[in-house]
Amino acid sequence: MTNTELILEAKKAREHAYTPYSHFKVGAALMTKSGKIYHGCNIENAAYTPTNCAERTAFFKAVYDGEREFAKIAIVGGPEGTEPDQMCAPCGVCRQVMMEFCDPELFQIILLNGKDKMTTVLLKELVPYGFGPDTLRNIHKI
């Protein structure tokens, strides 16, 4: 699947967002190494901290299904009622979830950056000194 096609899948996922408080809808399309796509949207909560981001929704659905190897994720977001046209990068918590399951040297994050423009970055660029499973393996030799 091309990056453009993955962005379109993220836009579809965005339509399912539940955002009665912020009115900022985010969609994500996560591709496994085998090519399977998992969709996620942000799901808000009146207490705010239980809110779940689109990226984590996609990852948690995939992990529930037994997936553990991921290639890339596309993320789109913006105010409801508008076509996304600004970059919507993953929050710190989502970046940490990505560190748990993805190789920072290989995992691609595709962001819509203006109408029909994309920016692609590697996870290591968003989390240059990331803490992941390898950190603990190196310390505890597990």
N, C-alpha and C. Protein backbone atom coordinates (compact mmCIF):
# COMPACT_ATOMS: atom_id res chain seq x y z
N MET A 1 0.85 -1.18 0.00
CA MET A 1 0.00 0.00 0.00
C MET A 1 0.89 1.24 0.00
N THR A 2 0.55 2.18 -0.85
CA THR A 2 1.33 3.41 -0.92
C THR A 2 1.01 4.31 0.28
N ASN A 3 1.87 5.28 0.52
CA ASN A 3 1.64 6.24 1.61
C ASN A 3 0.37 7.05 1.36
N THR A 4 0.10 7.39 0.10
CA THR A 4 -1.12 8.13 -0.23
C THR A 4 -2.35 7.30 0.11
N GLU A 5 -2.34 6.03 -0.22
CA GLU A 5 -3.46 5.15 0.11
C GLU A 5 -3.64 5.01 1.61
N LEU A 6 -2.53 4.95 2.34
CA LEU A 6 -2.61 4.84 3.80
C LEU A 6 -3.18 6.11 4.42
N ILE A 7 -2.83 7.27 3.86
CA ILE A 7 -3.42 8.54 4.32
C ILE A 7 -4.93 8.51 4.10
N LEU A 8 -5.39 8.00 2.96
CA LEU A 8 -6.83 7.90 2.69
C LEU A 8 -7.51 6.99 3.72
N GLU A 9 -6.85 5.92 4.11
CA GLU A 9 -7.39 5.03 5.14
C GLU A 9 -7.48 5.75 6.49
N ALA A 10 -6.48 6.58 6.80
CA ALA A 10 -6.51 7.35 8.05
C ALA A 10 -7.66 8.36 8.03
N LYS A 11 -7.92 8.94 6.86
CA LYS A 11 -9.04 9.87 6.74
C LYS A 11 -10.37 9.16 7.00
N LYS A 12 -10.50 7.93 6.50
CA LYS A 12 -11.71 7.14 6.75
C LYS A 12 -11.86 6.88 8.25
N ALA A 13 -10.76 6.53 8.91
CA ALA A 13 -10.79 6.25 10.34
C ALA A 13 -11.20 7.49 11.13
N ARG A 14 -10.78 8.64 10.68
CA ARG A 14 -11.08 9.91 11.35
C ARG A 14 -12.58 10.15 11.45
N GLU A 15 -13.33 9.63 10.49
CA GLU A 15 -14.78 9.81 10.48
C GLU A 15 -15.46 9.17 11.70
N HIS A 16 -14.78 8.23 12.35
CA HIS A 16 -15.34 7.53 13.51
C HIS A 16 -14.96 8.17 14.84
N ALA A 17 -14.19 9.23 14.82
CA ALA A 17 -13.72 9.86 16.05
C ALA A 17 -14.88 10.34 16.92
N TYR A 18 -14.70 10.20 18.23
CA TYR A 18 -15.68 10.67 19.21
C TYR A 18 -15.03 11.84 19.95
N THR A 19 -15.41 13.06 19.57
CA THR A 19 -14.73 14.25 20.10
C THR A 19 -15.71 15.34 20.54
N PRO A 20 -16.59 15.04 21.51
CA PRO A 20 -17.57 16.04 21.92
C PRO A 20 -16.98 17.22 22.69
N TYR A 21 -15.73 17.15 23.10
CA TYR A 21 -15.12 18.21 23.92
C TYR A 21 -14.15 19.07 23.13
N SER A 22 -13.20 18.45 22.46
CA SER A 22 -12.21 19.23 21.71
C SER A 22 -12.67 19.54 20.29
N HIS A 23 -13.55 18.70 19.75
CA HIS A 23 -13.98 18.82 18.35
C HIS A 23 -12.79 18.75 17.39
N PHE A 24 -11.72 18.05 17.81
CA PHE A 24 -10.53 17.85 17.00
C PHE A 24 -10.45 16.35 16.69
N LYS A 25 -10.74 15.99 15.46
CA LYS A 25 -10.84 14.59 15.07
C LYS A 25 -9.52 14.10 14.46
N VAL A 26 -9.10 12.92 14.92
CA VAL A 26 -7.87 12.31 14.43
C VAL A 26 -8.16 10.90 13.98
N GLY A 27 -7.56 10.51 12.87
CA GLY A 27 -7.64 9.16 12.36
C GLY A 27 -6.26 8.61 12.10
N ALA A 28 -6.11 7.31 12.29
CA ALA A 28 -4.83 6.65 12.04
C ALA A 28 -5.07 5.35 11.29
N ALA A 29 -4.13 5.03 10.42
CA ALA A 29 -4.13 3.75 9.71
C ALA A 29 -2.74 3.14 9.89
N LEU A 30 -2.72 2.02 10.59
CA LEU A 30 -1.48 1.32 10.95
C LEU A 30 -1.32 0.11 10.05
N MET A 31 -0.18 0.00 9.41
CA MET A 31 0.09 -1.14 8.53
C MET A 31 1.09 -2.08 9.17
N THR A 32 0.73 -3.36 9.23
CA THR A 32 1.64 -4.37 9.73
C THR A 32 2.68 -4.69 8.67
N LYS A 33 3.72 -5.39 9.06
CA LYS A 33 4.74 -5.79 8.08
C LYS A 33 4.16 -6.71 7.02
N SER A 34 3.09 -7.43 7.36
CA SER A 34 2.46 -8.33 6.38
C SER A 34 1.46 -7.60 5.48
N GLY A 35 1.23 -6.29 5.74
CA GLY A 35 0.36 -5.49 4.89
C GLY A 35 -1.06 -5.30 5.39
N LYS A 36 -1.40 -5.88 6.54
CA LYS A 36 -2.74 -5.71 7.10
C LYS A 36 -2.88 -4.31 7.67
N ILE A 37 -4.07 -3.71 7.54
CA ILE A 37 -4.32 -2.35 8.02
C ILE A 37 -5.24 -2.38 9.22
N TYR A 38 -4.86 -1.63 10.25
CA TYR A 38 -5.70 -1.42 11.43
C TYR A 38 -6.02 0.06 11.53
N HIS A 39 -7.28 0.35 11.77
CA HIS A 39 -7.74 1.74 11.85
C HIS A 39 -7.92 2.13 13.31
N GLY A 40 -7.73 3.41 13.58
CA GLY A 40 -7.98 3.94 14.91
C GLY A 40 -8.45 5.38 14.82
N CYS A 41 -9.20 5.80 15.82
CA CYS A 41 -9.64 7.19 15.92
C CYS A 41 -9.49 7.62 17.37
N ASN A 42 -9.49 8.92 17.60
CA ASN A 42 -9.45 9.38 18.99
C ASN A 42 -10.84 9.25 19.60
N ILE A 43 -10.83 8.89 20.88
CA ILE A 43 -12.07 8.66 21.63
C ILE A 43 -11.93 9.43 22.94
N GLU A 44 -12.68 10.53 23.04
CA GLU A 44 -12.56 11.41 24.20
C GLU A 44 -13.43 10.95 25.36
N ASN A 45 -13.12 11.50 26.53
CA ASN A 45 -13.84 11.21 27.75
C ASN A 45 -13.97 12.51 28.53
N ALA A 46 -15.08 12.71 29.21
CA ALA A 46 -15.31 13.94 29.95
C ALA A 46 -14.23 14.18 31.01
N ALA A 47 -13.63 13.13 31.51
CA ALA A 47 -12.57 13.26 32.52
C ALA A 47 -11.19 13.52 31.87
N TYR A 48 -11.13 13.59 30.58
CA TYR A 48 -9.94 13.88 29.75
C TYR A 48 -8.85 12.81 29.83
N THR A 49 -8.32 12.48 31.00
CA THR A 49 -7.19 11.53 31.01
C THR A 49 -7.54 10.14 30.48
N PRO A 50 -8.80 9.68 30.58
CA PRO A 50 -9.11 8.39 29.95
C PRO A 50 -9.23 8.46 28.43
N THR A 51 -9.11 9.64 27.85
CA THR A 51 -9.18 9.78 26.40
C THR A 51 -8.11 8.91 25.75
N ASN A 52 -8.44 8.32 24.61
CA ASN A 52 -7.47 7.50 23.89
C ASN A 52 -7.25 8.09 22.49
N CYS A 53 -5.99 8.17 22.12
CA CYS A 53 -5.62 8.73 20.82
C CYS A 53 -5.86 7.72 19.69
N ALA A 54 -5.96 8.23 18.48
CA ALA A 54 -6.18 7.40 17.31
C ALA A 54 -5.07 6.37 17.12
N GLU A 55 -3.83 6.79 17.33
CA GLU A 55 -2.69 5.91 17.11
C GLU A 55 -2.73 4.72 18.06
N ARG A 56 -2.99 5.01 19.35
CA ARG A 56 -3.06 3.92 20.33
C ARG A 56 -4.25 3.02 20.07
N THR A 57 -5.37 3.58 19.63
CA THR A 57 -6.52 2.74 19.30
C THR A 57 -6.14 1.73 18.23
N ALA A 58 -5.46 2.18 17.19
CA ALA A 58 -5.03 1.27 16.11
C ALA A 58 -4.05 0.22 16.63
N PHE A 59 -3.06 0.66 17.39
CA PHE A 59 -2.08 -0.29 17.92
C PHE A 59 -2.73 -1.33 18.83
N PHE A 60 -3.61 -0.88 19.72
CA PHE A 60 -4.21 -1.81 20.67
C PHE A 60 -5.11 -2.82 19.96
N LYS A 61 -5.82 -2.39 18.92
CA LYS A 61 -6.62 -3.33 18.14
C LYS A 61 -5.72 -4.38 17.49
N ALA A 62 -4.61 -3.93 16.93
CA ALA A 62 -3.68 -4.84 16.25
C ALA A 62 -3.05 -5.82 17.24
N VAL A 63 -2.61 -5.31 18.36
CA VAL A 63 -1.98 -6.17 19.36
C VAL A 63 -2.98 -7.20 19.88
N TYR A 64 -4.22 -6.77 20.09
CA TYR A 64 -5.27 -7.70 20.51
C TYR A 64 -5.41 -8.85 19.52
N ASP A 65 -5.27 -8.55 18.23
CA ASP A 65 -5.36 -9.57 17.18
C ASP A 65 -4.09 -10.39 17.03
N GLY A 66 -3.08 -10.11 17.85
CA GLY A 66 -1.85 -10.90 17.82
C GLY A 66 -0.74 -10.32 16.98
N GLU A 67 -0.95 -9.16 16.42
CA GLU A 67 0.09 -8.52 15.59
C GLU A 67 1.19 -7.95 16.48
N ARG A 68 2.43 -8.07 16.04
CA ARG A 68 3.56 -7.53 16.79
C ARG A 68 4.59 -6.84 15.90
N GLU A 69 4.41 -6.91 14.59
CA GLU A 69 5.39 -6.33 13.67
C GLU A 69 4.70 -5.32 12.77
N PHE A 70 5.21 -4.07 12.82
CA PHE A 70 4.54 -2.97 12.13
C PHE A 70 5.52 -2.25 11.21
N ALA A 71 4.99 -1.77 10.08
CA ALA A 71 5.81 -1.11 9.07
C ALA A 71 5.66 0.41 9.12
N LYS A 72 4.39 0.89 9.19
CA LYS A 72 4.18 2.33 9.14
C LYS A 72 2.78 2.67 9.61
N ILE A 73 2.61 3.96 9.91
CA ILE A 73 1.31 4.48 10.32
C ILE A 73 1.10 5.84 9.65
N ALA A 74 -0.14 6.07 9.21
CA ALA A 74 -0.53 7.38 8.68
C ALA A 74 -1.46 8.02 9.68
N ILE A 75 -1.29 9.32 9.90
CA ILE A 75 -2.08 10.05 10.89
C ILE A 75 -2.58 11.34 10.26
N VAL A 76 -3.89 11.58 10.42
CA VAL A 76 -4.49 12.84 9.97
C VAL A 76 -5.36 13.38 11.08
N GLY A 77 -5.37 14.69 11.22
CA GLY A 77 -6.20 15.29 12.25
C GLY A 77 -6.49 16.74 11.98
N GLY A 78 -7.57 17.21 12.58
CA GLY A 78 -7.94 18.61 12.46
C GLY A 78 -9.33 18.83 13.02
N PRO A 79 -9.75 20.09 13.07
CA PRO A 79 -11.06 20.42 13.60
C PRO A 79 -12.18 19.70 12.84
N GLU A 80 -13.19 19.25 13.59
CA GLU A 80 -14.31 18.57 12.93
C GLU A 80 -14.98 19.52 11.95
N GLY A 81 -15.54 18.93 10.91
CA GLY A 81 -16.21 19.73 9.90
C GLY A 81 -15.28 20.32 8.86
N THR A 82 -13.99 20.01 8.98
CA THR A 82 -13.01 20.50 8.00
C THR A 82 -12.22 19.33 7.45
N GLU A 83 -11.66 19.54 6.28
CA GLU A 83 -10.75 18.56 5.70
C GLU A 83 -9.39 18.77 6.35
N PRO A 84 -8.76 17.72 6.86
CA PRO A 84 -7.45 17.90 7.50
C PRO A 84 -6.44 18.52 6.53
N ASP A 85 -5.78 19.59 6.98
CA ASP A 85 -4.79 20.23 6.11
C ASP A 85 -3.58 20.72 6.91
N GLN A 86 -3.43 20.20 8.12
CA GLN A 86 -2.27 20.57 8.93
C GLN A 86 -1.63 19.31 9.49
N MET A 87 -0.36 19.40 9.81
CA MET A 87 0.35 18.26 10.35
C MET A 87 -0.18 17.96 11.75
N CYS A 88 -0.42 16.70 12.02
CA CYS A 88 -0.90 16.24 13.32
C CYS A 88 0.02 15.11 13.76
N ALA A 89 1.07 15.46 14.48
CA ALA A 89 2.06 14.47 14.92
C ALA A 89 1.55 13.74 16.16
N PRO A 90 2.02 12.51 16.38
CA PRO A 90 1.58 11.76 17.56
C PRO A 90 2.08 12.38 18.87
N CYS A 91 1.26 12.26 19.90
CA CYS A 91 1.65 12.77 21.22
C CYS A 91 2.76 11.90 21.81
N GLY A 92 3.29 12.32 22.92
CA GLY A 92 4.37 11.59 23.58
C GLY A 92 3.97 10.19 24.01
N VAL A 93 2.75 10.02 24.51
CA VAL A 93 2.30 8.70 24.95
C VAL A 93 2.22 7.76 23.75
N CYS A 94 1.70 8.24 22.64
CA CYS A 94 1.63 7.40 21.44
C CYS A 94 3.02 7.06 20.92
N ARG A 95 3.92 8.00 21.00
CA ARG A 95 5.30 7.73 20.57
C ARG A 95 5.91 6.63 21.43
N GLN A 96 5.59 6.64 22.73
CA GLN A 96 6.11 5.61 23.62
C GLN A 96 5.51 4.24 23.28
N VAL A 97 4.23 4.19 22.93
CA VAL A 97 3.62 2.93 22.51
C VAL A 97 4.31 2.42 21.24
N MET A 98 4.59 3.33 20.33
CA MET A 98 5.29 2.93 19.11
C MET A 98 6.67 2.36 19.44
N MET A 99 7.35 2.94 20.42
CA MET A 99 8.66 2.43 20.83
C MET A 99 8.57 1.00 21.36
N GLU A 100 7.45 0.65 21.94
CA GLU A 100 7.27 -0.71 22.48
C GLU A 100 7.20 -1.75 21.37
N PHE A 101 6.59 -1.39 20.24
CA PHE A 101 6.30 -2.38 19.22
C PHE A 101 7.04 -2.19 17.90
N CYS A 102 7.75 -1.10 17.73
CA CYS A 102 8.32 -0.79 16.42
C CYS A 102 9.82 -0.57 16.49
N ASP A 103 10.49 -0.91 15.42
CA ASP A 103 11.91 -0.62 15.29
C ASP A 103 12.06 0.86 14.94
N PRO A 104 12.64 1.67 15.82
CA PRO A 104 12.74 3.10 15.54
C PRO A 104 13.56 3.44 14.30
N GLU A 105 14.41 2.53 13.88
CA GLU A 105 15.23 2.75 12.68
C GLU A 105 14.44 2.52 11.39
N LEU A 106 13.31 1.79 11.48
CA LEU A 106 12.57 1.40 10.28
C LEU A 106 11.12 1.90 10.24
N PHE A 107 10.50 2.07 11.39
CA PHE A 107 9.08 2.40 11.43
C PHE A 107 8.84 3.81 10.92
N GLN A 108 7.94 3.91 9.91
CA GLN A 108 7.64 5.19 9.27
C GLN A 108 6.35 5.78 9.81
N ILE A 109 6.36 7.09 10.02
CA ILE A 109 5.18 7.84 10.44
C ILE A 109 4.88 8.84 9.33
N ILE A 110 3.71 8.67 8.72
CA ILE A 110 3.32 9.51 7.58
C ILE A 110 2.29 10.52 8.07
N LEU A 111 2.59 11.78 7.89
CA LEU A 111 1.73 12.86 8.36
C LEU A 111 1.26 13.70 7.19
N LEU A 112 -0.01 14.00 7.19
CA LEU A 112 -0.54 14.92 6.19
C LEU A 112 0.01 16.30 6.54
N ASN A 113 0.56 16.98 5.57
CA ASN A 113 1.20 18.28 5.81
C ASN A 113 0.72 19.25 4.75
N GLY A 114 -0.53 19.69 4.91
CA GLY A 114 -1.14 20.52 3.88
C GLY A 114 -1.97 19.65 2.96
N LYS A 115 -2.76 20.26 2.17
CA LYS A 115 -3.65 19.52 1.29
C LYS A 115 -2.83 18.68 0.30
N ASP A 116 -3.01 17.39 0.40
CA ASP A 116 -2.36 16.42 -0.49
C ASP A 116 -0.83 16.42 -0.40
N LYS A 117 -0.26 16.97 0.65
CA LYS A 117 1.19 16.89 0.88
C LYS A 117 1.42 15.99 2.08
N MET A 118 2.53 15.27 2.04
CA MET A 118 2.84 14.37 3.15
C MET A 118 4.27 14.60 3.62
N THR A 119 4.46 14.36 4.90
CA THR A 119 5.78 14.32 5.50
C THR A 119 5.95 12.93 6.09
N THR A 120 7.05 12.28 5.81
CA THR A 120 7.33 10.96 6.37
C THR A 120 8.58 11.06 7.23
N VAL A 121 8.46 10.58 8.46
CA VAL A 121 9.59 10.57 9.38
C VAL A 121 9.73 9.17 9.97
N LEU A 122 10.92 8.86 10.40
CA LEU A 122 11.14 7.61 11.12
C LEU A 122 10.89 7.84 12.61
N LEU A 123 10.49 6.80 13.30
CA LEU A 123 10.23 6.90 14.73
C LEU A 123 11.45 7.46 15.48
N LYS A 124 12.65 7.07 15.07
CA LYS A 124 13.85 7.56 15.75
C LYS A 124 14.00 9.07 15.66
N GLU A 125 13.39 9.68 14.64
CA GLU A 125 13.44 11.14 14.51
C GLU A 125 12.50 11.82 15.50
N LEU A 126 11.39 11.16 15.83
CA LEU A 126 10.45 11.72 16.80
C LEU A 126 10.83 11.36 18.24
N VAL A 127 11.57 10.29 18.41
CA VAL A 127 12.00 9.85 19.74
C VAL A 127 13.49 9.53 19.66
N PRO A 128 14.34 10.57 19.59
CA PRO A 128 15.77 10.32 19.35
C PRO A 128 16.47 9.56 20.48
N TYR A 129 16.00 9.66 21.69
CA TYR A 129 16.60 8.94 22.81
C TYR A 129 15.53 8.09 23.46
N GLY A 130 14.87 7.29 22.64
CA GLY A 130 13.71 6.53 23.09
C GLY A 130 14.03 5.43 24.09
N PHE A 131 13.01 5.13 24.89
CA PHE A 131 13.07 4.05 25.87
C PHE A 131 12.15 2.95 25.38
N GLY A 132 12.72 1.81 25.07
CA GLY A 132 11.93 0.70 24.55
C GLY A 132 12.40 -0.62 25.12
N PRO A 133 11.88 -1.72 24.60
CA PRO A 133 12.25 -3.04 25.09
C PRO A 133 13.76 -3.30 25.08
N ASP A 134 14.45 -2.80 24.06
CA ASP A 134 15.90 -3.02 23.99
C ASP A 134 16.63 -2.36 25.16
N THR A 135 16.10 -1.27 25.66
CA THR A 135 16.72 -0.61 26.81
C THR A 135 16.77 -1.58 27.99
N LEU A 136 15.66 -2.24 28.26
CA LEU A 136 15.61 -3.19 29.39
C LEU A 136 16.40 -4.45 29.09
N ARG A 137 16.37 -4.90 27.85
CA ARG A 137 17.16 -6.08 27.49
C ARG A 137 18.64 -5.82 27.73
N ASN A 138 19.09 -4.63 27.39
CA ASN A 138 20.51 -4.30 27.56
C ASN A 138 20.89 -4.17 29.03
N ILE A 139 19.96 -3.72 29.85
CA ILE A 139 20.25 -3.55 31.28
C ILE A 139 20.18 -4.89 32.01
N HIS A 140 19.11 -5.66 31.74
CA HIS A 140 18.85 -6.90 32.47
C HIS A 140 19.29 -8.15 31.74
N LYS A 141 19.77 -7.97 30.54
CA LYS A 141 20.21 -9.09 29.71
C LYS A 141 19.10 -10.14 29.57
N ILE A 142 17.85 -9.64 29.30
CA ILE A 142 16.73 -10.58 29.11
C ILE A 142 16.54 -10.91 27.65
